[in-house]
Amino acid sequence: MVSSQWWTYDHSMVVDYIPDELGVYELGDESGITVYYGSGKIRTRLLGHLNKKECPIAKFFRFELFSTEEECRAMHACML
């Protein structure tokens, strides 16, 4: 992941500051250890996890944007 900045994983942060563009993302626990990798439209995916209460140990997230789905899939595959 290129971006090393962790963002607080909560609804207002995602809605107010995160673009709904293609990318890959990581969810991290309170120690900054990655607990989930995902890809897609970043805001939509993060809000989906929050609304469904998936990955309750996630306290932070970080992401990287891409211009195409192919780039997004390639990076996501490298992260797994």
Protein backbone atom coordinates (compact mmCIF):
# COMPACT_ATOMS: atom_id res chain seq x y z
CA MET A 1 0.00 0.00 0.00
CA VAL A 2 1.52 3.32 -1.06
CA SER A 3 -0.36 5.52 1.41
CA SER A 4 0.93 4.93 4.90
CA GLN A 5 -1.52 7.31 6.55
CA TRP A 6 -4.13 5.55 8.64
CA TRP A 7 -7.51 7.29 8.87
CA THR A 8 -9.99 6.81 11.72
CA TYR A 9 -12.56 4.29 10.57
CA ASP A 10 -15.91 5.86 11.30
CA HIS A 11 -18.95 6.96 9.34
CA SER A 12 -18.32 10.72 9.40
CA MET A 13 -14.68 10.39 8.29
CA VAL A 14 -15.64 8.18 5.35
CA VAL A 15 -18.59 10.33 4.25
CA ASP A 16 -16.85 13.70 4.67
CA TYR A 17 -13.35 12.99 3.37
CA ILE A 18 -13.11 9.85 1.25
CA PRO A 19 -13.77 9.91 -2.50
CA ASP A 20 -16.02 7.33 -4.13
CA GLU A 21 -13.39 6.36 -6.67
CA LEU A 22 -11.82 3.03 -7.59
CA GLY A 23 -9.06 1.82 -5.36
CA VAL A 24 -7.79 -0.70 -2.86
CA TYR A 25 -8.02 -0.34 0.90
CA GLU A 26 -6.88 -1.91 4.13
CA LEU A 27 -8.69 -2.05 7.45
CA GLY A 28 -6.46 -2.03 10.51
CA ASP A 29 -6.99 -2.87 14.16
CA GLU A 30 -6.13 -0.51 17.02
CA SER A 31 -2.45 -1.54 16.77
CA GLY A 32 -2.29 -0.73 13.05
CA ILE A 33 -2.17 -4.37 11.99
CA THR A 34 -4.03 -5.02 8.75
CA VAL A 35 -7.08 -7.23 9.30
CA TYR A 36 -8.80 -6.89 5.89
CA TYR A 37 -7.97 -5.97 2.29
CA GLY A 38 -10.61 -4.85 -0.20
CA SER A 39 -11.12 -3.08 -3.49
CA GLY A 40 -13.80 -1.20 -5.40
CA LYS A 41 -15.30 2.26 -5.01
CA ILE A 42 -13.66 3.23 -1.74
CA ARG A 43 -16.42 5.23 0.00
CA THR A 44 -19.14 2.77 -1.05
CA ARG A 45 -17.18 -0.26 0.15
CA LEU A 46 -16.13 1.29 3.48
CA LEU A 47 -19.67 2.45 4.24
CA GLY A 48 -20.96 -1.01 3.35
CA HIS A 49 -18.65 -2.60 5.91
CA LEU A 50 -19.62 -0.04 8.55
CA ASN A 51 -23.38 -0.35 7.93
CA LYS A 52 -23.26 -4.15 8.08
CA LYS A 53 -20.96 -4.02 11.13
CA GLU A 54 -18.45 -6.22 9.32
CA CYS A 55 -14.95 -6.42 10.74
CA PRO A 56 -15.74 -4.89 14.16
CA ILE A 57 -12.08 -4.92 15.22
CA ALA A 58 -11.20 -2.43 12.45
CA LYS A 59 -10.39 0.99 13.91
CA PHE A 60 -8.41 2.51 11.01
CA PHE A 61 -8.23 2.35 7.22
CA ARG A 62 -5.96 3.49 4.42
CA PHE A 63 -6.37 3.40 0.67
CA GLU A 64 -4.85 3.98 -2.74
CA LEU A 65 -6.81 5.21 -5.77
CA PHE A 66 -6.53 3.78 -9.29
CA SER A 67 -7.99 4.88 -12.62
CA THR A 68 -9.08 1.49 -13.94
CA GLU A 69 -10.63 -1.67 -12.55
CA GLU A 70 -7.74 -3.66 -14.02
CA GLU A 71 -5.17 -1.68 -12.00
CA CYS A 72 -7.34 -2.03 -8.93
CA ARG A 73 -7.67 -5.82 -9.33
CA ALA A 74 -3.93 -6.24 -9.96
CA MET A 75 -3.00 -4.35 -6.78
CA HIS A 76 -5.62 -6.16 -4.74
CA ALA A 77 -4.27 -9.51 -5.95
CA CYS A 78 -0.75 -8.49 -4.88
CA MET A 79 -1.99 -7.63 -1.39
CA LEU A 80 -3.54 -11.04 -0.73
